[in-house]
Protein backbone atom coordinates (compact mmCIF):
# COMPACT_ATOMS: atom_id res chain seq x y z
CA MET A 1 -45.69 -125.48 -64.90
CA HIS A 2 -42.03 -124.60 -64.68
CA LEU A 3 -41.52 -123.85 -61.02
CA HIS A 4 -38.08 -122.39 -61.43
CA ASN A 5 -39.88 -119.53 -63.24
CA MET A 6 -42.16 -119.02 -60.25
CA LEU A 7 -40.33 -116.00 -58.98
CA ASN A 8 -38.04 -113.20 -59.95
CA GLU A 9 -35.88 -112.18 -56.99
CA GLU A 10 -35.91 -108.52 -57.92
CA THR A 11 -39.67 -108.39 -57.48
CA MET A 12 -39.71 -110.41 -54.24
CA THR A 13 -39.17 -107.40 -52.02
CA THR A 14 -40.46 -107.01 -48.50
CA ASN A 15 -43.26 -104.75 -49.75
CA ASN A 16 -44.44 -107.33 -52.25
CA ILE A 17 -48.23 -107.08 -52.42
CA LEU A 18 -48.45 -110.90 -52.44
CA PHE A 19 -47.45 -110.91 -48.77
CA SER A 20 -49.80 -108.12 -47.69
CA ALA A 21 -52.90 -108.89 -45.64
CA TYR A 22 -56.23 -108.82 -47.42
CA GLN A 23 -59.58 -108.18 -45.80
CA LEU A 24 -61.96 -110.59 -47.49
CA ASN A 25 -64.91 -109.21 -45.51
CA THR A 26 -65.81 -108.19 -41.96
CA HIS A 27 -65.41 -111.81 -40.80
CA LEU A 28 -62.20 -112.90 -42.52
CA THR A 29 -58.81 -111.31 -43.11
CA LEU A 30 -56.18 -113.28 -45.03
CA LYS A 31 -52.57 -112.91 -43.87
CA ASN A 32 -51.34 -112.86 -47.47
CA ARG A 33 -52.83 -112.94 -50.97
CA ILE A 34 -51.67 -116.43 -51.93
CA VAL A 35 -54.37 -119.09 -51.89
CA MET A 36 -53.72 -122.82 -52.03
CA ALA A 37 -55.83 -124.00 -54.95
CA PRO A 38 -58.17 -126.98 -54.63
CA MET A 39 -56.50 -130.15 -55.95
CA THR A 40 -57.99 -133.64 -56.05
CA ARG A 41 -55.65 -136.02 -54.19
CA VAL A 42 -57.78 -139.20 -53.64
CA ASN A 43 -56.36 -140.07 -50.20
CA ALA A 44 -59.64 -140.53 -48.34
CA THR A 45 -60.96 -143.95 -47.32
CA ASP A 46 -63.32 -145.97 -49.51
CA ASP A 47 -66.09 -144.46 -47.35
CA HIS A 48 -64.91 -140.93 -48.27
CA ILE A 49 -63.58 -140.17 -44.78
CA PRO A 50 -60.46 -137.98 -44.42
CA THR A 51 -57.28 -139.71 -43.25
CA GLN A 52 -54.32 -138.71 -41.06
CA PRO A 53 -52.08 -137.94 -44.05
CA MET A 54 -54.72 -135.42 -45.20
CA ILE A 55 -54.72 -133.75 -41.78
CA ASP A 56 -50.93 -133.41 -41.88
CA TYR A 57 -50.93 -132.31 -45.54
CA TYR A 58 -53.21 -129.33 -44.98
CA ALA A 59 -51.65 -128.39 -41.64
CA ARG A 60 -48.23 -128.09 -43.35
CA ARG A 61 -49.61 -125.51 -45.76
CA ALA A 62 -51.34 -123.22 -43.26
CA ASP A 63 -49.01 -120.34 -44.18
CA ALA A 64 -51.19 -119.76 -47.26
CA GLY A 65 -53.53 -116.80 -46.94
CA LEU A 66 -56.35 -119.28 -47.51
CA ILE A 67 -56.42 -123.01 -48.17
CA ILE A 68 -59.18 -124.37 -50.39
CA THR A 69 -59.51 -128.11 -49.97
CA GLU A 70 -59.80 -130.70 -52.66
CA GLY A 71 -63.26 -131.23 -54.07
CA THR A 72 -65.43 -132.84 -51.38
CA ILE A 73 -68.59 -134.60 -52.50
CA ILE A 74 -71.93 -133.43 -51.16
CA SER A 75 -73.58 -136.87 -51.37
CA GLN A 76 -72.80 -140.43 -52.36
CA ASP A 77 -74.26 -139.84 -55.83
CA ALA A 78 -72.00 -136.80 -56.38
CA LEU A 79 -69.09 -139.19 -56.89
CA GLY A 80 -66.81 -139.10 -59.93
CA HIS A 81 -63.91 -141.22 -58.71
CA LYS A 82 -63.01 -143.35 -55.76
CA ARG A 83 -61.34 -142.25 -52.52
CA VAL A 84 -62.35 -138.62 -52.70
CA PRO A 85 -63.58 -137.19 -49.38
CA GLY A 86 -67.21 -136.44 -48.58
CA ILE A 87 -69.07 -134.13 -46.22
CA PHE A 88 -72.46 -135.84 -45.94
CA ASN A 89 -72.25 -137.94 -42.76
CA HIS A 90 -71.13 -137.71 -39.14
CA ALA A 91 -67.94 -139.75 -39.59
CA GLN A 92 -66.76 -137.45 -42.35
CA VAL A 93 -67.56 -134.32 -40.34
CA ALA A 94 -65.67 -135.70 -37.32
CA GLU A 95 -62.48 -136.37 -39.30
CA TRP A 96 -62.66 -133.11 -41.26
CA LYS A 97 -62.82 -131.35 -37.86
CA LYS A 98 -59.29 -132.66 -37.23
CA VAL A 99 -58.16 -131.02 -40.49
CA SER A 100 -59.65 -127.63 -39.67
CA ASP A 101 -58.31 -127.80 -36.10
CA ALA A 102 -54.79 -128.58 -37.36
CA VAL A 103 -54.87 -125.69 -39.86
CA HIS A 104 -56.23 -123.26 -37.26
CA ALA A 105 -53.58 -124.40 -34.75
CA ASN A 106 -51.03 -123.23 -37.34
CA ASN A 107 -52.81 -119.87 -37.72
CA GLY A 108 -54.33 -120.73 -41.09
CA LEU A 109 -57.72 -120.27 -42.74
CA ILE A 110 -59.43 -123.04 -44.70
CA PHE A 111 -62.49 -123.28 -46.97
CA MET A 112 -63.92 -126.61 -48.10
CA GLN A 113 -64.68 -127.00 -51.79
CA ILE A 114 -68.08 -128.70 -52.07
CA TRP A 115 -68.57 -130.72 -55.22
CA HIS A 116 -70.99 -132.67 -57.38
CA VAL A 117 -69.52 -134.01 -60.62
CA GLY A 118 -72.83 -134.41 -62.45
CA ARG A 119 -72.32 -136.26 -65.72
CA VAL A 120 -68.58 -136.77 -65.15
CA SER A 121 -69.19 -140.16 -63.59
CA HIS A 122 -70.25 -143.71 -64.45
CA PRO A 123 -73.01 -146.13 -63.37
CA ASP A 124 -70.32 -148.37 -61.83
CA LEU A 125 -69.71 -145.59 -59.28
CA LEU A 126 -73.42 -144.86 -58.78
CA ASN A 127 -74.98 -148.25 -57.98
CA GLY A 128 -75.94 -148.70 -61.60
CA ARG A 129 -77.75 -145.37 -62.07
CA LEU A 130 -76.93 -143.02 -64.92
CA PRO A 131 -75.12 -139.82 -63.83
CA VAL A 132 -77.35 -136.78 -63.45
CA SER A 133 -76.84 -133.57 -65.43
CA ALA A 134 -78.71 -130.54 -66.74
CA SER A 135 -79.70 -132.61 -69.79
CA GLU A 136 -79.26 -136.03 -71.33
CA THR A 137 -75.80 -135.91 -72.94
CA MET A 138 -73.01 -138.23 -74.05
CA MET A 139 -69.36 -138.21 -72.96
CA SER A 140 -66.71 -140.40 -74.57
CA GLY A 141 -63.47 -140.11 -72.58
CA LYS A 142 -61.91 -142.47 -70.06
CA VAL A 143 -63.19 -142.20 -66.49
CA ASN A 144 -60.67 -140.53 -64.14
CA ARG A 145 -58.39 -142.95 -62.33
CA SER A 146 -60.04 -145.95 -63.97
CA ASP A 147 -58.35 -148.57 -66.10
CA HIS A 148 -61.33 -149.69 -68.14
CA LEU A 149 -64.38 -147.41 -67.74
CA THR A 150 -65.41 -144.78 -70.27
CA TYR A 151 -67.94 -142.02 -69.71
CA GLY A 152 -71.28 -142.34 -71.43
CA LYS A 153 -74.83 -141.15 -71.14
CA SER A 154 -76.19 -138.78 -68.52
CA ARG A 155 -79.83 -138.18 -67.58
CA ALA A 156 -81.58 -134.85 -67.11
CA ALA A 157 -82.32 -133.87 -63.53
CA SER A 158 -86.03 -133.63 -62.73
CA LEU A 159 -87.34 -130.49 -61.04
CA GLU A 160 -87.76 -132.47 -57.81
CA GLU A 161 -84.19 -133.70 -58.10
CA ILE A 162 -82.91 -130.16 -58.63
CA LYS A 163 -84.53 -129.18 -55.32
CA SER A 164 -82.85 -132.14 -53.63
CA LEU A 165 -79.46 -131.24 -55.14
CA ILE A 166 -79.73 -127.64 -53.91
CA ALA A 167 -80.63 -128.92 -50.44
CA ALA A 168 -77.62 -131.27 -50.52
CA TYR A 169 -75.26 -128.36 -51.24
CA ALA A 170 -76.75 -126.41 -48.33
CA THR A 171 -76.40 -129.41 -46.00
CA ALA A 172 -72.79 -129.85 -47.11
CA ALA A 173 -72.11 -126.18 -46.33
CA ARG A 174 -73.66 -126.56 -42.88
CA ASN A 175 -71.63 -129.72 -42.26
CA ALA A 176 -68.42 -128.00 -43.33
CA VAL A 177 -68.96 -125.17 -40.84
CA GLU A 178 -69.87 -127.74 -38.19
CA ALA A 179 -66.50 -129.36 -39.00
CA GLY A 180 -64.81 -126.07 -38.16
CA PHE A 181 -64.21 -124.70 -41.65
CA ASP A 182 -64.07 -120.96 -42.22
CA GLY A 183 -66.30 -121.27 -45.25
CA VAL A 184 -67.03 -123.21 -48.41
CA GLU A 185 -66.18 -122.83 -52.05
CA ILE A 186 -69.00 -124.08 -54.27
CA HIS A 187 -67.43 -125.90 -57.22
CA GLY A 188 -69.22 -124.36 -60.17
CA ALA A 189 -66.38 -124.85 -62.64
CA ASN A 190 -64.47 -127.31 -64.81
CA GLY A 191 -67.41 -129.02 -66.47
CA TYR A 192 -68.96 -130.46 -63.30
CA LEU A 193 -72.63 -130.31 -62.34
CA ILE A 194 -73.21 -126.57 -61.83
CA ASP A 195 -71.07 -125.76 -64.87
CA GLN A 196 -73.16 -128.19 -66.93
CA PHE A 197 -76.20 -125.96 -66.32
CA LEU A 198 -74.24 -122.85 -67.40
CA HIS A 199 -73.14 -123.93 -70.90
CA HIS A 200 -75.40 -124.36 -73.93
CA ASP A 201 -73.45 -127.45 -74.97
CA THR A 202 -74.68 -129.39 -71.94
CA ASN A 203 -77.89 -127.53 -71.04
CA LYS A 204 -80.69 -128.25 -73.55
CA ARG A 205 -83.53 -127.73 -71.07
CA ASP A 206 -86.71 -125.89 -72.06
CA ASP A 207 -88.00 -125.28 -68.53
CA ASN A 208 -87.04 -122.70 -65.88
CA TYR A 209 -83.47 -124.03 -65.83
CA GLY A 210 -82.62 -123.68 -69.53
CA GLY A 211 -82.77 -121.57 -72.67
CA SER A 212 -82.19 -118.00 -71.45
CA PRO A 213 -79.33 -116.53 -69.37
CA ASP A 214 -81.55 -116.10 -66.29
CA ASN A 215 -82.84 -119.66 -66.53
CA MET A 216 -79.42 -121.20 -67.18
CA ALA A 217 -77.92 -119.30 -64.22
CA ARG A 218 -80.83 -120.21 -61.93
CA PHE A 219 -79.37 -123.45 -60.54
CA ALA A 220 -76.01 -121.84 -59.68
CA LEU A 221 -77.71 -118.89 -58.00
CA GLU A 222 -80.10 -121.09 -56.05
CA VAL A 223 -77.17 -123.16 -54.76
CA VAL A 224 -75.29 -120.00 -53.71
CA LYS A 225 -78.37 -118.60 -51.98
CA ALA A 226 -79.16 -121.87 -50.21
CA CYS A 227 -75.61 -122.07 -48.85
CA GLY A 228 -75.52 -118.36 -48.00
CA GLU A 229 -78.77 -118.58 -46.04
CA VAL A 230 -77.43 -121.50 -44.01
CA ILE A 231 -73.86 -120.39 -43.16
CA GLY A 232 -73.78 -116.69 -44.08
CA TYR A 233 -72.87 -115.33 -47.52
CA GLU A 234 -69.51 -114.06 -46.27
CA ARG A 235 -68.49 -117.71 -45.85
CA VAL A 236 -69.43 -118.73 -49.40
CA GLY A 237 -67.12 -118.57 -52.43
CA LEU A 238 -67.85 -119.78 -55.96
CA ARG A 239 -65.48 -121.20 -58.57
CA LEU A 240 -66.48 -120.63 -62.20
CA SER A 241 -65.21 -121.50 -65.68
CA PRO A 242 -66.91 -119.05 -68.07
CA GLY A 243 -64.82 -120.49 -70.90
CA ALA A 244 -65.35 -124.13 -71.84
CA TYR A 245 -62.18 -126.21 -71.77
CA LEU A 246 -62.57 -129.35 -69.67
CA ASN A 247 -64.67 -132.51 -69.41
CA GLU A 248 -65.86 -132.40 -73.01
CA ILE A 249 -67.85 -129.15 -72.89
CA THR A 250 -67.65 -127.15 -76.12
CA GLY A 251 -67.87 -123.38 -75.91
CA ASP A 252 -70.85 -121.52 -77.37
CA GLU A 253 -70.87 -117.79 -78.04
CA ARG A 254 -74.16 -117.53 -76.12
CA ASP A 255 -72.40 -118.71 -72.95
CA ALA A 256 -70.99 -115.23 -72.31
CA ASN A 257 -74.51 -113.87 -71.80
CA THR A 258 -75.26 -116.54 -69.19
CA PHE A 259 -72.06 -115.89 -67.24
CA GLN A 260 -72.47 -112.12 -67.49
CA TYR A 261 -75.97 -112.44 -66.05
CA LEU A 262 -74.75 -114.77 -63.29
CA LEU A 263 -71.89 -112.45 -62.30
CA GLU A 264 -74.17 -109.41 -62.28
CA GLN A 265 -76.56 -111.27 -59.97
CA LEU A 266 -73.67 -112.28 -57.71
CA ASN A 267 -72.90 -108.57 -57.31
CA GLN A 268 -76.17 -108.36 -55.37
CA LEU A 269 -75.04 -111.01 -52.88
CA PRO A 270 -72.30 -110.44 -50.25
CA ILE A 271 -70.38 -113.63 -51.07
CA ALA A 272 -66.69 -114.01 -50.22
CA TYR A 273 -65.28 -114.25 -53.74
CA VAL A 274 -65.42 -115.64 -57.27
CA HIS A 275 -62.51 -117.93 -58.22
CA THR A 276 -61.34 -118.70 -61.75
CA GLY A 277 -61.36 -122.40 -62.62
CA ASN A 278 -58.67 -122.87 -65.26
CA PHE A 279 -55.28 -124.56 -65.63
CA ASN A 280 -53.83 -121.76 -67.77
CA ASP A 281 -55.27 -118.30 -67.25
CA GLN A 282 -53.39 -116.86 -70.22
CA GLN A 283 -55.79 -118.79 -72.45
CA GLN A 284 -58.24 -116.57 -74.34
CA PHE A 285 -61.72 -117.77 -75.29
CA LYS A 286 -63.64 -116.97 -78.45
CA GLU A 287 -66.94 -117.37 -76.58
CA LEU A 288 -65.75 -114.75 -74.05
CA HIS A 289 -65.09 -112.16 -76.78
CA GLY A 290 -61.40 -113.09 -76.80
CA LEU A 291 -60.88 -112.52 -73.07
CA SER A 292 -59.29 -114.80 -70.49
CA MET A 293 -61.62 -116.23 -67.85
CA THR A 294 -60.32 -113.92 -65.13
CA ALA A 295 -60.56 -110.83 -67.34
CA PHE A 296 -64.16 -111.72 -68.17
CA ILE A 297 -65.02 -112.30 -64.50
CA ARG A 298 -63.35 -109.03 -63.47
CA MET A 299 -65.26 -107.13 -66.15
CA HIS A 300 -68.64 -108.16 -64.73
CA TYR A 301 -68.05 -108.98 -61.06
CA LYS A 302 -67.33 -106.23 -58.51
CA GLY A 303 -66.26 -108.35 -55.52
CA THR A 304 -63.06 -110.23 -54.69
CA VAL A 305 -61.63 -112.18 -57.62
CA ILE A 306 -59.19 -115.06 -57.17
CA ALA A 307 -57.18 -115.77 -60.31
CA SER A 308 -55.88 -119.26 -60.95
CA GLY A 309 -54.05 -120.99 -63.77
CA SER A 310 -50.25 -121.38 -63.94
CA TYR A 311 -49.38 -118.02 -62.42
CA THR A 312 -45.78 -117.21 -61.57
CA ALA A 313 -45.25 -115.11 -58.47
CA GLU A 314 -44.12 -112.24 -60.69
CA ARG A 315 -47.20 -112.37 -62.90
CA ALA A 316 -49.43 -112.67 -59.85
CA GLN A 317 -47.86 -109.59 -58.29
CA GLU A 318 -48.26 -107.60 -61.49
CA GLY A 319 -51.88 -108.71 -61.90
CA ILE A 320 -52.81 -107.68 -58.36
CA GLU A 321 -50.99 -104.35 -58.64
CA GLN A 322 -52.78 -103.62 -61.92
CA GLY A 323 -56.17 -104.46 -60.41
CA MET A 324 -56.76 -107.47 -62.67
CA PHE A 325 -57.59 -109.61 -59.62
CA ASP A 326 -57.22 -109.50 -55.84
CA LEU A 327 -55.81 -112.90 -54.85
CA VAL A 328 -53.97 -115.68 -56.67
CA ALA A 329 -54.51 -119.41 -56.23
CA ILE A 330 -51.49 -121.64 -56.75
CA GLY A 331 -51.71 -125.41 -57.11
CA ARG A 332 -48.84 -127.71 -58.05
CA PRO A 333 -46.10 -125.58 -56.46
CA PHE A 334 -47.88 -126.17 -53.13
CA ILE A 335 -47.64 -129.93 -53.68
CA ALA A 336 -43.90 -129.69 -54.29
CA ASN A 337 -43.29 -127.04 -51.61
CA PRO A 338 -45.35 -127.30 -48.40
CA ASP A 339 -43.39 -124.23 -47.24
CA LEU A 340 -44.07 -122.30 -50.46
CA ILE A 341 -44.84 -119.00 -48.73
CA THR A 342 -41.56 -119.04 -46.78
CA ARG A 343 -39.59 -119.95 -49.90
CA LEU A 344 -41.13 -117.11 -51.88
CA ARG A 345 -40.55 -114.63 -49.04
CA THR A 346 -36.90 -115.60 -48.61
CA HIS A 347 -36.09 -116.10 -52.30
CA ALA A 348 -35.24 -119.75 -51.61
CA GLU A 349 -35.15 -122.07 -54.61
CA LEU A 350 -38.38 -123.93 -55.23
CA VAL A 351 -38.61 -127.67 -55.59
CA ASN A 352 -39.90 -128.46 -59.07
CA TYR A 353 -43.24 -130.26 -59.24
CA ASP A 354 -43.13 -133.75 -60.64
CA ALA A 355 -46.12 -136.03 -61.28
CA SER A 356 -44.50 -138.72 -59.13
CA MET A 357 -45.28 -136.48 -56.14
CA LEU A 358 -48.94 -137.41 -56.57
CA ARG A 359 -48.22 -140.94 -55.33
CA THR A 360 -47.88 -139.73 -51.75
CA LEU A 361 -49.52 -137.00 -49.72
CA TYR A 362 -46.85 -134.87 -48.09
């Protein structure tokens, strides 16, 4: 992303819709429409406990309308790479409470992204067990942040295990609220566990969780409902990738029917939002009838839509004004510019993102 293209001064006027408040629901009002996107930063301890640099990192970015944390694993077996945070024990909850307190002290709002990677893991990370997925599949790429491991075989979740996974998401949501978070974003995107149930390429099941749109969407909906029942639907968001583009999932033209069904069902639930999971939202997908992910979501979902994927401030403003989406999530510019909101408001030059910035958490 070229950050020097992030804004056009002529459009950055005081009445810019990006800086207007947005009422998410009766419980939450965002002070602006810019969301800090979830970004994996691997700065937790080996026991998946948040650290002081993480507390400071999120507190610095509290000017965002909403912060969504990095993916936070719901259980030890949800793990896809080392040193990601978790939200499944008391020590983790206690340290995450320091993050939410620091953000709230700076007048910010923060959701925790709760995460299970499914097949995007390796037995070396899972005490020798094969990763769980919708079905038995094979992956071939190199494991994230690993020098020598490659992905391989996954195993199909049993019906009992599916119940346990749904319960683990609900417990994670409860723990996040106990840790002071304003809500959770369920990670249903990017080829991870929930997304694996939603695509024909990875879901070959012939039971109640596979085959038809209502069966393939069942796991995602049961996770949303379990979390909503525990913490209130208004505190639950969901990230989705209707188009296949990451973690070795191939698109299938039948996928659109599954995601259309899922989005229509979500219209019946008072959740906080649906968030696009993509790195480049200008990308169009054959399996989505040639639409971008956000355009497809907007077509079928009536609630708040967060667009994400290499948006400039100018394009974000235009998209919101044209009703294409309601909020925009920005990622790498927030790494390079902790004070991104102030810089955009005052037309200050942005620091360009560089991959070397990932070595430290500032």
